C-alpha atoms as a PDB file:
ATOM      1  CA  PRO A   1       0.188   0.110   0.071  1.00  0.00           C
ATOM      2  CA  LYS A   2       1.151   3.479  -0.667  1.00  0.00           C
ATOM      3  CA  ASN A   3       2.223   5.701   2.024  1.00  0.00           C
ATOM      4  CA  PHE A   4       0.927   9.596   1.787  1.00  0.00           C
ATOM      5  CA  LYS A   5       2.413  12.480   3.669  1.00  0.00           C
ATOM      6  CA  TYR A   6      -0.492  15.399   3.949  1.00  0.00           C
ATOM      7  CA  GLU A   7       0.262  18.979   4.720  1.00  0.00           C
ATOM      8  CA  LEU A   8      -1.530  22.242   4.689  1.00  0.00           C
ATOM      9  CA  ALA A   9      -1.359  23.741   1.421  1.00  0.00           C
ATOM     10  CA  GLN A  10       1.128  26.812   0.838  1.00  0.00           C
ATOM     11  CA  LEU A  11      -0.728  29.752  -0.050  1.00  0.00           C
ATOM     12  CA  ASP A  12       0.432  33.151  -1.421  1.00  0.00           C
ATOM     13  CA  SER A  13      -3.047  34.939  -1.640  1.00  0.00           C
ATOM     14  CA  ILE A  14      -6.535  34.545  -1.229  1.00  0.00           C
ATOM     15  CA  GLU A  15      -9.104  36.813  -3.317  1.00  0.00           C
ATOM     16  CA  LEU A  16     -12.976  37.151  -2.871  1.00  0.00           C
ATOM     17  CA  VAL A  17     -14.664  37.556  -6.055  1.00  0.00           C
ATOM     18  CA  ILE A  18     -18.490  38.290  -5.772  1.00  0.00           C
ATOM     19  CA  MET A  19     -20.725  37.461  -8.437  1.00  0.00           C
ATOM     20  CA  GLU A  20     -23.143  40.486  -9.506  1.00  0.00           C
ATOM     21  CA  SER A  21     -26.064  38.185  -9.073  1.00  0.00           C
ATOM     22  CA  PHE A  22     -28.985  37.914  -6.546  1.00  0.00           C
ATOM     23  CA  PRO A  23     -28.825  35.919  -4.426  1.00  0.00           C
ATOM     24  CA  ILE A  24     -25.052  37.031  -4.278  1.00  0.00           C
ATOM     25  CA  LYS A  25     -22.416  34.339  -5.050  1.00  0.00           C
ATOM     26  CA  ILE A  26     -19.132  34.456  -3.936  1.00  0.00           C
ATOM     27  CA  ASN A  27     -15.806  32.534  -4.974  1.00  0.00           C
ATOM     28  CA  LEU A  28     -12.887  32.160  -2.934  1.00  0.00           C
ATOM     29  CA  GLU A  29      -9.822  32.286  -5.583  1.00  0.00           C
ATOM     30  CA  ILE A  30      -6.557  30.746  -3.886  1.00  0.00           C
ATOM     31  CA  LYS A  31      -3.014  30.968  -5.470  1.00  0.00           C
ATOM     32  CA  GLY A  32      -0.283  29.065  -3.738  1.00  0.00           C
ATOM     33  CA  ASN A  33       2.933  26.681  -4.783  1.00  0.00           C
ATOM     34  CA  PHE A  34       3.227  22.677  -4.344  1.00  0.00           C
ATOM     35  CA  SER A  35       7.003  22.083  -2.975  1.00  0.00           C
ATOM     36  CA  ASP A  36       7.462  19.293  -5.813  1.00  0.00           C
ATOM     37  CA  GLY A  37       5.999  17.794  -8.723  1.00  0.00           C
ATOM     38  CA  CYS A  38       4.194  15.187  -6.774  1.00  0.00           C
ATOM     39  CA  THR A  39       2.373  16.975  -4.407  1.00  0.00           C
ATOM     40  CA  SER A  40      -1.491  17.809  -5.333  1.00  0.00           C
ATOM     41  CA  ILE A  41      -4.491  19.079  -3.379  1.00  0.00           C
ATOM     42  CA  ASP A  42      -6.144  16.627  -1.149  1.00  0.00           C
ATOM     43  CA  GLN A  43      -8.997  18.120   0.189  1.00  0.00           C
ATOM     44  CA  ILE A  44     -10.731  21.502   0.659  1.00  0.00           C
ATOM     45  CA  ILE A  45     -12.916  21.789   4.018  1.00  0.00           C
ATOM     46  CA  GLN A  46     -15.227  24.346   4.288  1.00  0.00           C
ATOM     47  CA  ASP A  47     -16.805  25.194   7.580  1.00  0.00           C
ATOM     48  CA  ARG A  48     -18.324  28.335   9.305  1.00  0.00           C
ATOM     49  CA  ALA A  49     -18.027  29.793  12.955  1.00  0.00           C
ATOM     50  CA  ASP A  50     -20.337  32.783  13.534  1.00  0.00           C
ATOM     51  CA  ASN A  51     -19.178  35.401  10.738  1.00  0.00           C
ATOM     52  CA  THR A  52     -15.878  33.629   9.959  1.00  0.00           C
ATOM     53  CA  PHE A  53     -15.524  30.886   7.151  1.00  0.00           C
ATOM     54  CA  LEU A  54     -12.713  28.638   7.854  1.00  0.00           C
ATOM     55  CA  VAL A  55     -11.302  27.099   4.750  1.00  0.00           C
ATOM     56  CA  LYS A  56      -8.831  24.288   5.183  1.00  0.00           C
ATOM     57  CA  ILE A  57      -6.970  23.272   2.034  1.00  0.00           C
ATOM     58  CA  THR A  58      -4.714  20.506   2.480  1.00  0.00           C
ATOM     59  CA  THR A  59      -2.336  18.556  -0.146  1.00  0.00           C
ATOM     60  CA  LYS A  60      -0.994  15.071  -0.437  1.00  0.00           C
ATOM     61  CA  ARG A  61       2.140  13.360  -1.773  1.00  0.00           C
ATOM     62  CA  GLU A  62       3.441   9.687  -2.169  1.00  0.00           C
ATOM     63  CA  ALA A  63       5.689   9.523   1.002  1.00  0.00           C
ATOM     64  CA  ASP A  64       8.696   7.966  -0.991  1.00  0.00           C
ATOM     65  CA  ALA A  65       7.874   8.957  -4.757  1.00  0.00           C
ATOM     66  CA  PHE A  66      10.752  10.440  -6.375  1.00  0.00           C
ATOM     67  CA  CYS A  67       9.776  14.178  -7.581  1.00  0.00           C
ATOM     68  CA  THR A  68      11.214  16.975  -9.643  1.00  0.00           C
ATOM     69  CA  GLN A  69      12.080  19.321  -6.851  1.00  0.00           C
ATOM     70  CA  VAL A  70      10.347  22.525  -8.588  1.00  0.00           C
ATOM     71  CA  ILE A  71       7.873  24.868  -7.346  1.00  0.00           C
ATOM     72  CA  VAL A  72       4.496  24.080  -8.839  1.00  0.00           C
ATOM     73  CA  PRO A  73       2.348  26.950  -9.088  1.00  0.00           C
ATOM     74  CA  PHE A  74      -1.450  26.213  -8.627  1.00  0.00           C
ATOM     75  CA  SER A  75      -4.677  27.851  -8.106  1.00  0.00           C
ATOM     76  CA  GLN A  76      -8.282  26.922  -7.090  1.00  0.00           C
ATOM     77  CA  THR A  77     -11.641  28.428  -7.431  1.00  0.00           C
ATOM     78  CA  ILE A  78     -13.809  27.514  -4.317  1.00  0.00           C
ATOM     79  CA  PRO A  79     -17.396  28.427  -4.110  1.00  0.00           C
ATOM     80  CA  LEU A  80     -18.270  30.064  -0.662  1.00  0.00           C
ATOM     81  CA  GLU A  81     -21.440  28.544   0.893  1.00  0.00           C
ATOM     82  CA  VAL A  82     -23.182  32.016   1.283  1.00  0.00           C
ATOM     83  CA  MET A  83     -26.919  31.119   0.380  1.00  0.00           C
ATOM     84  CA  GLY A  84     -29.245  32.304   3.249  1.00  0.00           C
ATOM     85  CA  LEU A  85     -26.487  34.463   5.248  1.00  0.00           C
ATOM     86  CA  PRO A  86     -28.058  37.187   7.201  1.00  0.00           C
ATOM     87  CA  ALA A  87     -26.810  40.927   6.230  1.00  0.00           C
ATOM     88  CA  GLY A  88     -23.539  41.600   7.606  1.00  0.00           C
ATOM     89  CA  THR A  89     -19.782  41.524   7.696  1.00  0.00           C
ATOM     90  CA  TYR A  90     -17.884  38.237   7.112  1.00  0.00           C
ATOM     91  CA  ALA A  91     -14.372  36.939   7.170  1.00  0.00           C
ATOM     92  CA  VAL A  92     -12.809  34.000   5.262  1.00  0.00           C
ATOM     93  CA  ASP A  93      -9.702  32.602   6.736  1.00  0.00           C
ATOM     94  CA  ALA A  94      -7.912  30.148   4.047  1.00  0.00           C
ATOM     95  CA  ASN A  95      -5.094  28.479   5.898  1.00  0.00           C
ATOM     96  CA  GLY A  96      -4.104  31.929   7.666  1.00  0.00           C
ATOM     97  CA  LEU A  97      -4.885  34.219   5.212  1.00  0.00           C
ATOM     98  CA  VAL A  98      -7.891  36.375   5.939  1.00  0.00           C
ATOM     99  CA  GLU A  99      -9.963  38.162   3.668  1.00  0.00           C
ATOM    100  CA  THR A 100     -13.417  39.893   4.436  1.00  0.00           C
ATOM    101  CA  PHE A 101     -16.777  40.642   2.723  1.00  0.00           C
ATOM    102  CA  SER A 102     -19.796  42.617   3.540  1.00  0.00           C
ATOM    103  CA  LEU A 103     -23.572  41.492   2.912  1.00  0.00           C
ATOM    104  CA  ALA A 104     -25.800  44.767   2.503  1.00  0.00           C
ATOM    105  CA  VAL A 105     -28.956  42.678   2.599  1.00  0.00           C
ATOM    106  CA  ASP A 106     -29.880  39.013   3.493  1.00  0.00           C
ATOM    107  CA  ASN A 107     -28.660  36.802   0.924  1.00  0.00           C
ATOM    108  CA  ASN A 108     -32.083  34.997   0.234  1.00  0.00           C
ATOM    109  CA  ASN A 109     -34.020  34.165  -2.700  1.00  0.00           C
END
């Protein structure tokens, strides 16, 4: 059986992209780097505590694989679960990088 090594993804930047729609849709755009050619995104876990979205992005690689030792940039778009949120200001914490957004009105149909 293969052995895998799991880590938090190394993110360089996060950006919130708010769609001009109603109800509002918001995407979290993440950019970062894998430390070698064998690493890939493993899981994206989205949780919310009060007004903070907690987004955890983990990576995995085969523990004993021979890999190209190059930095491999990656980017990913993650739709935030904002349907039904009441008006207010929210924070998005993705692996320690934080951005905020505000909803002027309740985000309902």
